[in-house]
C-alpha cells in the first residue's frame, strides 16, 4: 500500500491510498493527515496499513487532476513546520563515492581523501551483525518542514547560490510516538537538491551546500524498503531531456544498512521528541553535476521508480536577488 496527502479543490486536507499500481487514489475515510494515522496505529498496536484498511474508503480521486492543479502535498508533514526535521546522510551508496571523490580529488594527493575515508568506514562497518552498532555515516542538517516543497511546485534557486543540482534519493519518513519510540511510516522518492559547486569549492562548505529546499513524494511506500531499488532521474529544459540516468538504492546497493543509518540519526534523544516528524534522505548514487550539467531556471527535475508510484517532479526557478541582511542592535 502507498499513501499520499492532498488538498481538495476547497482546500481541505485528505489522505489517499494506492492499493495497486496504476490505480487511482482512494480517499481514506475521516483522515486529514498521515501523521495522525501513524500515531493512532501505534497507540492501537496496529500497522498503518491495517488501520487504513479498517478506516475504509469513500471514493476515488483523479490523480492527473491533483497533479495539474498542484494540489499534492508531501506524503508526511507536520502542521507546525518547525516540528519536522529534515536531514541527510551521504556516502552510503556503492556507486556514489566516485563522483563525490572527484570533487575532492585535489585533497587526495598522496593518501585517501576524507571522502574516501568516510566511504571506507561504511564499506568496512556499515552493515553490522544483528544487535550491534555499525560505523557512523556522514550526516547533515537540511532544514525544517518549511524547507520542503510539495511535488509539482518549484524549488527556489537563491541568488547567492552557485548551483542548484538534483540528488535523486530514497527518503525515510518517521513519526515519534507518545513515549519517544521511533515509528517508521515508510519510504518515498526524494530530490535533496544541493549546491554542488559550493561543496566542490571546499568540502567544509558541505553544511552550507545542503541548506536548500528539497522535495519528496508524492507517495509513501508502507512497509520495508525493497533491497534493490532501480529508478531513473532526468533534467528537462523546454520540454527536451538534457540529462538522464539510472539511479539505484536499497541495501543491496548501499554500504550501510538502513537500520544502521536510522540508529545513528535517532541515537540523539532530542531527535526523539514525541509528536515530531523526521524526513531523512539516505544518499544519492548519481548526480547530473558529475556529468557537467548546470541546471538553469525553468528546468524540471523528475525522479521515478516503479515501487514508489508516480514520479516526483519539480521545476527549478531562480529567486530574486537577496539584499544584504542587517542585524538590529537592541
C-alpha atoms as a PDB file:
ATOM      1  CA  UNK A   1       0.000   0.000   0.000  1.00  0.00           C
ATOM      2  CA  UNK A   2       1.100   3.573  -0.707  1.00  0.00           C
ATOM      3  CA  UNK A   3      -0.368   6.733   0.779  1.00  0.00           C
ATOM      4  CA  UNK A   4      -0.435  10.345  -0.364  1.00  0.00           C
ATOM      5  CA  UNK A   5      -1.717  13.627   1.006  1.00  0.00           C
ATOM      6  CA  UNK A   6      -3.534  16.296  -0.966  1.00  0.00           C
ATOM      7  CA  UNK A   7      -5.838  19.271  -0.748  1.00  0.00           C
ATOM      8  CA  UNK A   8      -9.355  19.160  -2.097  1.00  0.00           C
ATOM      9  CA  UNK A   9     -10.455  21.869  -4.513  1.00  0.00           C
ATOM     10  CA  UNK A  10     -11.928  23.621  -1.452  1.00  0.00           C
ATOM     11  CA  UNK A  11      -8.613  23.475   0.434  1.00  0.00           C
ATOM     12  CA  UNK A  12      -9.437  20.599   2.813  1.00  0.00           C
ATOM     13  CA  UNK A  13      -6.681  18.083   3.533  1.00  0.00           C
ATOM     14  CA  UNK A  14      -7.276  14.427   2.742  1.00  0.00           C
ATOM     15  CA  UNK A  15      -5.318  11.181   2.582  1.00  0.00           C
ATOM     16  CA  UNK A  16      -5.453   8.867  -0.415  1.00  0.00           C
ATOM     17  CA  UNK A  17      -4.431   5.206  -0.658  1.00  0.00           C
ATOM     18  CA  UNK A  18      -2.990   3.446  -3.697  1.00  0.00           C
ATOM     19  CA  UNK A  19      -3.903  -0.237  -3.447  1.00  0.00           C
ATOM     20  CA  UNK A  20      -2.246  -1.407  -6.677  1.00  0.00           C
ATOM     21  CA  UNK A  21      -0.022   0.012  -9.398  1.00  0.00           C
ATOM     22  CA  UNK A  22      -1.881   2.127 -11.901  1.00  0.00           C
ATOM     23  CA  UNK A  23      -4.949   2.570  -9.689  1.00  0.00           C
ATOM     24  CA  UNK A  24      -6.423   5.933  -8.814  1.00  0.00           C
ATOM     25  CA  UNK A  25      -6.104   7.106  -5.195  1.00  0.00           C
ATOM     26  CA  UNK A  26      -8.972   6.094  -2.918  1.00  0.00           C
ATOM     27  CA  UNK A  27      -9.872   8.594  -0.196  1.00  0.00           C
ATOM     28  CA  UNK A  28      -9.258   7.269   3.318  1.00  0.00           C
ATOM     29  CA  UNK A  29     -12.342   7.918   5.448  1.00  0.00           C
ATOM     30  CA  UNK A  30     -12.011  10.564   8.182  1.00  0.00           C
ATOM     31  CA  UNK A  31      -8.293  11.119   7.642  1.00  0.00           C
ATOM     32  CA  UNK A  32      -6.690  14.553   7.290  1.00  0.00           C
ATOM     33  CA  UNK A  33      -3.045  13.531   7.670  1.00  0.00           C
ATOM     34  CA  UNK A  34      -0.694  10.557   7.608  1.00  0.00           C
ATOM     35  CA  UNK A  35       0.999  11.685  10.833  1.00  0.00           C
ATOM     36  CA  UNK A  36      -2.237  11.365  12.805  1.00  0.00           C
ATOM     37  CA  UNK A  37      -2.892   7.946  11.286  1.00  0.00           C
ATOM     38  CA  UNK A  38       0.596   6.766  12.235  1.00  0.00           C
ATOM     39  CA  UNK A  39       0.218   7.888  15.839  1.00  0.00           C
ATOM     40  CA  UNK A  40      -3.189   6.236  16.121  1.00  0.00           C
ATOM     41  CA  UNK A  41      -1.840   2.998  14.667  1.00  0.00           C
ATOM     42  CA  UNK A  42       0.975   2.974  17.246  1.00  0.00           C
ATOM     43  CA  UNK A  43      -1.446   3.593  20.113  1.00  0.00           C
ATOM     44  CA  UNK A  44      -3.595   0.667  18.971  1.00  0.00           C
ATOM     45  CA  UNK A  45      -0.654  -1.659  18.330  1.00  0.00           C
ATOM     46  CA  UNK A  46      -1.655  -1.987  14.667  1.00  0.00           C
ATOM     47  CA  UNK A  47       0.227  -1.490  11.425  1.00  0.00           C
ATOM     48  CA  UNK A  48      -0.540   1.620   9.436  1.00  0.00           C
ATOM     49  CA  UNK A  49      -1.883  -0.497   6.592  1.00  0.00           C
ATOM     50  CA  UNK A  50      -4.247  -2.296   8.984  1.00  0.00           C
ATOM     51  CA  UNK A  51      -5.530   0.974  10.396  1.00  0.00           C
ATOM     52  CA  UNK A  52      -6.127   2.476   6.948  1.00  0.00           C
ATOM     53  CA  UNK A  53      -7.993  -0.635   5.819  1.00  0.00           C
ATOM     54  CA  UNK A  54     -10.174  -0.534   8.954  1.00  0.00           C
ATOM     55  CA  UNK A  55     -10.986   3.144   8.400  1.00  0.00           C
ATOM     56  CA  UNK A  56     -12.354   2.298   4.984  1.00  0.00           C
ATOM     57  CA  UNK A  57     -12.581   4.355   1.826  1.00  0.00           C
ATOM     58  CA  UNK A  58     -15.007   6.777   0.235  1.00  0.00           C
ATOM     59  CA  UNK A  59     -14.425   7.181  -3.465  1.00  0.00           C
ATOM     60  CA  UNK A  60     -11.637   7.767  -5.946  1.00  0.00           C
ATOM     61  CA  UNK A  61      -9.726  10.939  -6.788  1.00  0.00           C
ATOM     62  CA  UNK A  62      -8.399  11.757 -10.237  1.00  0.00           C
ATOM     63  CA  UNK A  63      -4.613  11.693  -9.837  1.00  0.00           C
ATOM     64  CA  UNK A  64      -3.945  13.659 -13.018  1.00  0.00           C
ATOM     65  CA  UNK A  65      -6.169  16.470 -11.740  1.00  0.00           C
ATOM     66  CA  UNK A  66      -4.293  16.610  -8.433  1.00  0.00           C
ATOM     67  CA  UNK A  67      -1.066  16.964 -10.406  1.00  0.00           C
ATOM     68  CA  UNK A  68      -2.382  19.503 -12.915  1.00  0.00           C
ATOM     69  CA  UNK A  69      -3.893  21.685 -10.171  1.00  0.00           C
ATOM     70  CA  UNK A  70      -0.802  21.284  -7.936  1.00  0.00           C
ATOM     71  CA  UNK A  71      -2.844  20.025  -5.004  1.00  0.00           C
ATOM     72  CA  UNK A  72      -0.433  17.289  -3.912  1.00  0.00           C
ATOM     73  CA  UNK A  73       1.251  17.675  -0.520  1.00  0.00           C
ATOM     74  CA  UNK A  74       4.339  15.936   0.838  1.00  0.00           C
ATOM     75  CA  UNK A  75       3.218  12.432   1.906  1.00  0.00           C
ATOM     76  CA  UNK A  76       4.154  13.127   5.558  1.00  0.00           C
ATOM     77  CA  UNK A  77       4.359  16.507   7.268  1.00  0.00           C
ATOM     78  CA  UNK A  78       3.560  18.333  10.500  1.00  0.00           C
ATOM     79  CA  UNK A  79       1.023  21.114  10.881  1.00  0.00           C
ATOM     80  CA  UNK A  80       3.764  23.041  12.707  1.00  0.00           C
ATOM     81  CA  UNK A  81       6.689  23.010  10.219  1.00  0.00           C
ATOM     82  CA  UNK A  82       9.296  23.660  12.925  1.00  0.00           C
ATOM     83  CA  UNK A  83       8.496  20.204  14.317  1.00  0.00           C
ATOM     84  CA  UNK A  84       9.535  18.479  11.106  1.00  0.00           C
ATOM     85  CA  UNK A  85      13.280  17.860  10.926  1.00  0.00           C
ATOM     86  CA  UNK A  86      14.844  17.230   7.512  1.00  0.00           C
ATOM     87  CA  UNK A  87      18.285  15.626   7.456  1.00  0.00           C
ATOM     88  CA  UNK A  88      20.580  13.789   5.062  1.00  0.00           C
ATOM     89  CA  UNK A  89      23.249  11.153   5.165  1.00  0.00           C
ATOM     90  CA  UNK A  90      25.814  10.677   2.426  1.00  0.00           C
ATOM     91  CA  UNK A  91      28.461   8.339   1.022  1.00  0.00           C
ATOM     92  CA  UNK A  92      26.076   5.463   1.592  1.00  0.00           C
ATOM     93  CA  UNK A  93      25.750   4.050  -1.929  1.00  0.00           C
ATOM     94  CA  UNK A  94      28.231   1.823  -3.683  1.00  0.00           C
ATOM     95  CA  UNK A  95      28.040   3.978  -6.806  1.00  0.00           C
ATOM     96  CA  UNK A  96      28.201   7.377  -5.133  1.00  0.00           C
ATOM     97  CA  UNK A  97      31.766   7.730  -3.910  1.00  0.00           C
ATOM     98  CA  UNK A  98      33.424   8.087  -7.320  1.00  0.00           C
ATOM     99  CA  UNK A  99      31.558  11.260  -8.260  1.00  0.00           C
ATOM    100  CA  UNK A 100      31.891  12.723  -4.769  1.00  0.00           C
ATOM    101  CA  UNK A 101      35.595  11.910  -4.601  1.00  0.00           C
ATOM    102  CA  UNK A 102      36.181  13.549  -7.970  1.00  0.00           C
ATOM    103  CA  UNK A 103      35.015  16.816  -6.405  1.00  0.00           C
ATOM    104  CA  UNK A 104      37.578  16.419  -3.641  1.00  0.00           C
ATOM    105  CA  UNK A 105      40.391  14.915  -5.710  1.00  0.00           C
ATOM    106  CA  UNK A 106      42.784  17.779  -5.032  1.00  0.00           C
ATOM    107  CA  UNK A 107      42.690  16.849  -1.356  1.00  0.00           C
ATOM    108  CA  UNK A 108      43.984  13.334  -2.078  1.00  0.00           C
ATOM    109  CA  UNK A 109      47.475  13.890  -3.452  1.00  0.00           C
ATOM    110  CA  UNK A 110      49.199  11.071  -1.582  1.00  0.00           C
ATOM    111  CA  UNK A 111      46.512   9.492   0.561  1.00  0.00           C
ATOM    112  CA  UNK A 112      42.811   8.736   0.676  1.00  0.00           C
ATOM    113  CA  UNK A 113      40.681  11.854   0.726  1.00  0.00           C
ATOM    114  CA  UNK A 114      38.363  12.467   3.662  1.00  0.00           C
ATOM    115  CA  UNK A 115      35.530  11.463   1.343  1.00  0.00           C
ATOM    116  CA  UNK A 116      37.031   8.065   0.625  1.00  0.00           C
ATOM    117  CA  UNK A 117      37.949   7.521   4.269  1.00  0.00           C
ATOM    118  CA  UNK A 118      34.317   8.067   5.214  1.00  0.00           C
ATOM    119  CA  UNK A 119      33.126   5.816   2.406  1.00  0.00           C
ATOM    120  CA  UNK A 120      35.553   3.087   3.500  1.00  0.00           C
ATOM    121  CA  UNK A 121      34.210   3.276   7.057  1.00  0.00           C
ATOM    122  CA  UNK A 122      30.820   2.389   5.629  1.00  0.00           C
ATOM    123  CA  UNK A 123      32.202  -0.422   3.488  1.00  0.00           C
ATOM    124  CA  UNK A 124      34.019  -1.897   6.479  1.00  0.00           C
ATOM    125  CA  UNK A 125      31.391  -1.395   9.151  1.00  0.00           C
ATOM    126  CA  UNK A 126      28.147  -0.006   7.772  1.00  0.00           C
ATOM    127  CA  UNK A 127      26.304  -3.331   7.880  1.00  0.00           C
ATOM    128  CA  UNK A 128      26.914  -4.676  11.382  1.00  0.00           C
ATOM    129  CA  UNK A 129      25.691  -8.042  12.614  1.00  0.00           C
ATOM    130  CA  UNK A 130      22.234  -8.038  14.276  1.00  0.00           C
ATOM    131  CA  UNK A 131      22.174  -6.420  17.679  1.00  0.00           C
ATOM    132  CA  UNK A 132      25.378  -4.460  17.176  1.00  0.00           C
ATOM    133  CA  UNK A 133      26.116  -0.851  16.196  1.00  0.00           C
ATOM    134  CA  UNK A 134      27.928  -0.123  12.963  1.00  0.00           C
ATOM    135  CA  UNK A 135      30.058   2.710  11.610  1.00  0.00           C
ATOM    136  CA  UNK A 136      28.764   6.254  11.874  1.00  0.00           C
ATOM    137  CA  UNK A 137      27.860   7.792   8.485  1.00  0.00           C
ATOM    138  CA  UNK A 138      28.207  11.317   7.167  1.00  0.00           C
ATOM    139  CA  UNK A 139      25.253  13.448   8.330  1.00  0.00           C
ATOM    140  CA  UNK A 140      23.957  16.937   7.566  1.00  0.00           C
ATOM    141  CA  UNK A 141      21.033  19.144   8.529  1.00  0.00           C
ATOM    142  CA  UNK A 142      18.728  20.114   5.672  1.00  0.00           C
ATOM    143  CA  UNK A 143      16.120  22.318   7.333  1.00  0.00           C
ATOM    144  CA  UNK A 144      12.687  22.071   8.902  1.00  0.00           C
ATOM    145  CA  UNK A 145       9.339  21.426   7.282  1.00  0.00           C
ATOM    146  CA  UNK A 146       9.160  24.931   5.826  1.00  0.00           C
ATOM    147  CA  UNK A 147      12.063  23.994   3.522  1.00  0.00           C
ATOM    148  CA  UNK A 148      10.073  21.139   1.944  1.00  0.00           C
ATOM    149  CA  UNK A 149       8.448  21.902  -1.410  1.00  0.00           C
ATOM    150  CA  UNK A 150       5.380  19.842  -2.413  1.00  0.00           C
ATOM    151  CA  UNK A 151       5.545  17.727  -5.572  1.00  0.00           C
ATOM    152  CA  UNK A 152       4.999  19.732  -8.779  1.00  0.00           C
ATOM    153  CA  UNK A 153       5.930  23.002  -7.013  1.00  0.00           C
ATOM    154  CA  UNK A 154       9.105  24.948  -7.744  1.00  0.00           C
ATOM    155  CA  UNK A 155      12.409  24.575  -5.951  1.00  0.00           C
ATOM    156  CA  UNK A 156      13.963  28.000  -5.494  1.00  0.00           C
ATOM    157  CA  UNK A 157      17.491  28.801  -6.640  1.00  0.00           C
ATOM    158  CA  UNK A 158      18.834  31.508  -4.272  1.00  0.00           C
ATOM    159  CA  UNK A 159      20.524  34.448  -5.969  1.00  0.00           C
ATOM    160  CA  UNK A 160      23.708  33.741  -3.988  1.00  0.00           C
ATOM    161  CA  UNK A 161      23.773  30.024  -4.830  1.00  0.00           C
ATOM    162  CA  UNK A 162      26.490  28.736  -7.114  1.00  0.00           C
ATOM    163  CA  UNK A 163      24.477  25.731  -8.293  1.00  0.00           C
ATOM    164  CA  UNK A 164      21.133  24.036  -7.838  1.00  0.00           C
ATOM    165  CA  UNK A 165      21.580  20.373  -8.624  1.00  0.00           C
ATOM    166  CA  UNK A 166      19.457  17.252  -8.413  1.00  0.00           C
ATOM    167  CA  UNK A 167      20.074  14.493  -5.890  1.00  0.00           C
ATOM    168  CA  UNK A 168      17.679  11.608  -6.523  1.00  0.00           C
ATOM    169  CA  UNK A 169      17.353   9.630  -3.306  1.00  0.00           C
ATOM    170  CA  UNK A 170      15.171   7.354  -1.232  1.00  0.00           C
ATOM    171  CA  UNK A 171      13.776   9.091   1.843  1.00  0.00           C
ATOM    172  CA  UNK A 172      12.760   7.566   5.175  1.00  0.00           C
ATOM    173  CA  UNK A 173       9.668   9.112   6.790  1.00  0.00           C
ATOM    174  CA  UNK A 174       9.197   8.880  10.571  1.00  0.00           C
ATOM    175  CA  UNK A 175       6.938   9.996  13.411  1.00  0.00           C
ATOM    176  CA  UNK A 176       7.982   9.950  17.067  1.00  0.00           C
ATOM    177  CA  UNK A 177       5.440   8.164  19.254  1.00  0.00           C
ATOM    178  CA  UNK A 178       3.969   9.199  22.590  1.00  0.00           C
ATOM    179  CA  UNK A 179       6.742   7.505  24.582  1.00  0.00           C
ATOM    180  CA  UNK A 180       9.585   8.608  22.321  1.00  0.00           C
ATOM    181  CA  UNK A 181       9.559   5.485  20.188  1.00  0.00           C
ATOM    182  CA  UNK A 182      10.655   5.901  16.559  1.00  0.00           C
ATOM    183  CA  UNK A 183       7.852   4.951  14.171  1.00  0.00           C
ATOM    184  CA  UNK A 184       8.831   4.426  10.562  1.00  0.00           C
ATOM    185  CA  UNK A 185       5.892   5.365   8.340  1.00  0.00           C
ATOM    186  CA  UNK A 186       7.623   4.237   5.143  1.00  0.00           C
ATOM    187  CA  UNK A 187       9.778   5.405   2.263  1.00  0.00           C
ATOM    188  CA  UNK A 188       9.370   7.853  -0.599  1.00  0.00           C
ATOM    189  CA  UNK A 189      11.283   9.265  -3.527  1.00  0.00           C
ATOM    190  CA  UNK A 190      13.171  12.485  -2.896  1.00  0.00           C
ATOM    191  CA  UNK A 191      15.162  15.223  -4.575  1.00  0.00           C
ATOM    192  CA  UNK A 192      17.579  16.512  -1.960  1.00  0.00           C
ATOM    193  CA  UNK A 193      18.649  19.409  -4.230  1.00  0.00           C
ATOM    194  CA  UNK A 194      22.038  20.818  -3.227  1.00  0.00           C
ATOM    195  CA  UNK A 195      24.744  23.275  -4.265  1.00  0.00           C
ATOM    196  CA  UNK A 196      27.497  21.046  -5.630  1.00  0.00           C
ATOM    197  CA  UNK A 197      29.673  23.890  -6.903  1.00  0.00           C
ATOM    198  CA  UNK A 198      29.860  25.336  -3.416  1.00  0.00           C
ATOM    199  CA  UNK A 199      30.705  21.928  -1.963  1.00  0.00           C
ATOM    200  CA  UNK A 200      33.414  21.416  -4.581  1.00  0.00           C
ATOM    201  CA  UNK A 201      34.989  24.757  -3.707  1.00  0.00           C
ATOM    202  CA  UNK A 202      35.791  23.491  -0.213  1.00  0.00           C
ATOM    203  CA  UNK A 203      34.379  20.410   1.494  1.00  0.00           C
ATOM    204  CA  UNK A 204      33.960  22.458   4.685  1.00  0.00           C
ATOM    205  CA  UNK A 205      31.165  24.218   2.795  1.00  0.00           C
ATOM    206  CA  UNK A 206      29.152  20.966   2.799  1.00  0.00           C
ATOM    207  CA  UNK A 207      26.835  22.232   5.543  1.00  0.00           C
ATOM    208  CA  UNK A 208      26.122  25.437   3.568  1.00  0.00           C
ATOM    209  CA  UNK A 209      25.590  23.486   0.342  1.00  0.00           C
ATOM    210  CA  UNK A 210      22.825  21.407   1.959  1.00  0.00           C
ATOM    211  CA  UNK A 211      20.821  24.380   3.240  1.00  0.00           C
ATOM    212  CA  UNK A 212      18.463  24.405   0.290  1.00  0.00           C
ATOM    213  CA  UNK A 213      14.871  23.444  -0.292  1.00  0.00           C
ATOM    214  CA  UNK A 214      14.013  19.837  -1.096  1.00  0.00           C
ATOM    215  CA  UNK A 215      11.055  17.760  -2.211  1.00  0.00           C
ATOM    216  CA  UNK A 216       9.825  14.225  -1.524  1.00  0.00           C
ATOM    217  CA  UNK A 217       6.859  12.112  -2.529  1.00  0.00           C
ATOM    218  CA  UNK A 218       4.323  12.170  -3.969  1.00  0.00           C
ATOM    219  CA  UNK A 219       3.628   8.793  -2.321  1.00  0.00           C
ATOM    220  CA  UNK A 220       4.939   6.977   0.747  1.00  0.00           C
ATOM    221  CA  UNK A 221       5.522   3.249   0.382  1.00  0.00           C
ATOM    222  CA  UNK A 222       4.442   1.435   3.547  1.00  0.00           C
ATOM    223  CA  UNK A 223       6.454  -1.473   4.888  1.00  0.00           C
ATOM    224  CA  UNK A 224      10.120  -2.316   4.281  1.00  0.00           C
ATOM    225  CA  UNK A 225      12.289  -0.797   1.564  1.00  0.00           C
ATOM    226  CA  UNK A 226      12.971  -3.222  -1.314  1.00  0.00           C
ATOM    227  CA  UNK A 227      16.547  -4.468  -1.179  1.00  0.00           C
ATOM    228  CA  UNK A 228      17.105  -3.452  -4.811  1.00  0.00           C
ATOM    229  CA  UNK A 229      15.558  -0.174  -5.962  1.00  0.00           C
ATOM    230  CA  UNK A 230      16.020   0.797  -9.598  1.00  0.00           C
ATOM    231  CA  UNK A 231      14.810   4.110 -10.907  1.00  0.00           C
ATOM    232  CA  UNK A 232      15.573   6.979 -13.229  1.00  0.00           C
ATOM    233  CA  UNK A 233      16.280  10.675 -12.866  1.00  0.00           C
ATOM    234  CA  UNK A 234      16.185  13.304 -15.584  1.00  0.00           C
ATOM    235  CA  UNK A 235      16.514  17.023 -16.165  1.00  0.00           C
ATOM    236  CA  UNK A 236      14.336  18.553 -18.886  1.00  0.00           C
ATOM    237  CA  UNK A 237      14.638  22.007 -20.414  1.00  0.00           C
ATOM    238  CA  UNK A 238      11.883  23.495 -22.585  1.00  0.00           C
ATOM    239  CA  UNK A 239      10.388  20.022 -22.960  1.00  0.00           C
ATOM    240  CA  UNK A 240      13.628  18.292 -24.016  1.00  0.00           C
ATOM    241  CA  UNK A 241      15.741  15.989 -21.846  1.00  0.00           C
ATOM    242  CA  UNK A 242      19.204  17.476 -21.264  1.00  0.00           C
ATOM    243  CA  UNK A 243      20.384  14.692 -18.947  1.00  0.00           C
ATOM    244  CA  UNK A 244      19.086  11.385 -17.649  1.00  0.00           C
ATOM    245  CA  UNK A 245      20.500   8.450 -15.732  1.00  0.00           C
ATOM    246  CA  UNK A 246      19.547   5.355 -13.813  1.00  0.00           C
ATOM    247  CA  UNK A 247      19.762   5.527 -10.035  1.00  0.00           C
ATOM    248  CA  UNK A 248      19.907   2.647  -7.590  1.00  0.00           C
ATOM    249  CA  UNK A 249      19.156   2.297  -3.914  1.00  0.00           C
ATOM    250  CA  UNK A 250      18.142  -0.341  -1.405  1.00  0.00           C
ATOM    251  CA  UNK A 251      20.514  -2.219   0.855  1.00  0.00           C
ATOM    252  CA  UNK A 252      21.869  -4.400  -1.972  1.00  0.00           C
ATOM    253  CA  UNK A 253      23.350  -1.213  -3.441  1.00  0.00           C
ATOM    254  CA  UNK A 254      24.384   0.503  -0.215  1.00  0.00           C
ATOM    255  CA  UNK A 255      27.421   0.397   2.054  1.00  0.00           C
ATOM    256  CA  UNK A 256      25.230   0.979   5.116  1.00  0.00           C
ATOM    257  CA  UNK A 257      22.203  -0.914   6.373  1.00  0.00           C
ATOM    258  CA  UNK A 258      19.036   1.181   6.724  1.00  0.00           C
ATOM    259  CA  UNK A 259      18.872   0.209  10.403  1.00  0.00           C
ATOM    260  CA  UNK A 260      22.413   1.476  10.964  1.00  0.00           C
ATOM    261  CA  UNK A 261      21.608   4.838   9.359  1.00  0.00           C
ATOM    262  CA  UNK A 262      18.446   5.079  11.450  1.00  0.00           C
ATOM    263  CA  UNK A 263      20.322   4.309  14.672  1.00  0.00           C
ATOM    264  CA  UNK A 264      22.929   6.995  14.086  1.00  0.00           C
ATOM    265  CA  UNK A 265      20.228   9.594  13.465  1.00  0.00           C
ATOM    266  CA  UNK A 266      17.855   8.726  16.280  1.00  0.00           C
ATOM    267  CA  UNK A 267      20.536   7.950  18.893  1.00  0.00           C
ATOM    268  CA  UNK A 268      20.318  11.661  19.742  1.00  0.00           C
ATOM    269  CA  UNK A 269      17.479  11.733  22.273  1.00  0.00           C
ATOM    270  CA  UNK A 270      16.490  15.253  21.217  1.00  0.00           C
ATOM    271  CA  UNK A 271      15.509  13.682  17.885  1.00  0.00           C
ATOM    272  CA  UNK A 272      13.006  11.508  19.753  1.00  0.00           C
ATOM    273  CA  UNK A 273      10.598  14.204  20.943  1.00  0.00           C
ATOM    274  CA  UNK A 274       7.035  12.825  20.938  1.00  0.00           C
ATOM    275  CA  UNK A 275       4.943  14.012  18.013  1.00  0.00           C
ATOM    276  CA  UNK A 276       7.798  15.221  15.818  1.00  0.00           C
ATOM    277  CA  UNK A 277       8.187  14.231  12.175  1.00  0.00           C
ATOM    278  CA  UNK A 278      11.557  13.307  10.645  1.00  0.00           C
ATOM    279  CA  UNK A 279      12.405  13.240   6.942  1.00  0.00           C
ATOM    280  CA  UNK A 280      15.761  11.534   6.345  1.00  0.00           C
ATOM    281  CA  UNK A 281      17.430  11.364   2.919  1.00  0.00           C
ATOM    282  CA  UNK A 282      19.543   8.209   2.517  1.00  0.00           C
ATOM    283  CA  UNK A 283      22.055   9.412  -0.088  1.00  0.00           C
ATOM    284  CA  UNK A 284      22.432   9.601  -3.856  1.00  0.00           C
ATOM    285  CA  UNK A 285      24.087   7.243  -6.312  1.00  0.00           C
ATOM    286  CA  UNK A 286      24.171   9.600  -9.336  1.00  0.00           C
ATOM    287  CA  UNK A 287      24.319  13.359  -9.898  1.00  0.00           C
ATOM    288  CA  UNK A 288      23.830  15.371 -13.073  1.00  0.00           C
ATOM    289  CA  UNK A 289      26.592  17.633 -11.753  1.00  0.00           C
ATOM    290  CA  UNK A 290      29.103  14.792 -12.176  1.00  0.00           C
ATOM    291  CA  UNK A 291      28.207  14.793 -15.892  1.00  0.00           C
ATOM    292  CA  UNK A 292      28.868  18.518 -16.243  1.00  0.00           C
ATOM    293  CA  UNK A 293      25.207  19.581 -16.236  1.00  0.00           C
ATOM    294  CA  UNK A 294      24.448  23.031 -14.818  1.00  0.00           C
ATOM    295  CA  UNK A 295      20.680  23.353 -14.272  1.00  0.00           C
ATOM    296  CA  UNK A 296      19.035  26.586 -15.376  1.00  0.00           C
ATOM    297  CA  UNK A 297      15.992  28.448 -14.145  1.00  0.00           C
ATOM    298  CA  UNK A 298      12.937  26.750 -15.641  1.00  0.00           C
ATOM    299  CA  UNK A 299      14.496  23.274 -15.785  1.00  0.00           C
ATOM    300  CA  UNK A 300      12.388  20.414 -14.421  1.00  0.00           C
ATOM    301  CA  UNK A 301      13.742  17.595 -12.234  1.00  0.00           C
ATOM    302  CA  UNK A 302      11.993  14.242 -12.364  1.00  0.00           C
ATOM    303  CA  UNK A 303      12.684  11.191 -10.177  1.00  0.00           C
ATOM    304  CA  UNK A 304      10.916   7.908 -10.831  1.00  0.00           C
ATOM    305  CA  UNK A 305      10.968   4.308  -9.565  1.00  0.00           C
ATOM    306  CA  UNK A 306       8.182   1.778 -10.084  1.00  0.00           C
ATOM    307  CA  UNK A 307       7.948   0.740  -6.435  1.00  0.00           C
ATOM    308  CA  UNK A 308       7.009   4.307  -5.427  1.00  0.00           C
ATOM    309  CA  UNK A 309       4.217   5.019  -7.896  1.00  0.00           C
ATOM    310  CA  UNK A 310       4.003   8.341  -9.709  1.00  0.00           C
ATOM    311  CA  UNK A 311       7.226  10.305 -10.329  1.00  0.00           C
ATOM    312  CA  UNK A 312       8.394  13.177  -8.179  1.00  0.00           C
ATOM    313  CA  UNK A 313       8.581  16.270 -10.363  1.00  0.00           C
ATOM    314  CA  UNK A 314       9.683  19.827  -9.532  1.00  0.00           C
ATOM    315  CA  UNK A 315      10.737  22.781 -11.679  1.00  0.00           C
ATOM    316  CA  UNK A 316      13.596  24.995 -10.507  1.00  0.00           C
ATOM    317  CA  UNK A 317      13.038  28.758 -10.534  1.00  0.00           C
ATOM    318  CA  UNK A 318      15.675  31.402  -9.746  1.00  0.00           C
ATOM    319  CA  UNK A 319      14.785  33.622  -6.790  1.00  0.00           C
ATOM    320  CA  UNK A 320      15.016  37.385  -6.884  1.00  0.00           C
ATOM    321  CA  UNK A 321      18.234  38.954  -5.673  1.00  0.00           C
ATOM    322  CA  UNK A 322      18.755  38.802  -1.932  1.00  0.00           C
ATOM    323  CA  UNK A 323      19.588  42.072  -0.216  1.00  0.00           C
ATOM    324  CA  UNK A 324      22.226  42.405   2.476  1.00  0.00           C
ATOM    325  CA  UNK A 325      20.843  41.168   5.783  1.00  0.00           C
ATOM    326  CA  UNK A 326      21.293  43.730   8.548  1.00  0.00           C
ATOM    327  CA  UNK A 327      21.092  42.975  12.253  1.00  0.00           C
ATOM    328  CA  UNK A 328      19.392  45.445  14.554  1.00  0.00           C
ATOM    329  CA  UNK A 329      21.241  46.141  17.786  1.00  0.00           C
ATOM    330  CA  UNK A 330      18.892  46.233  20.787  1.00  0.00           C
END
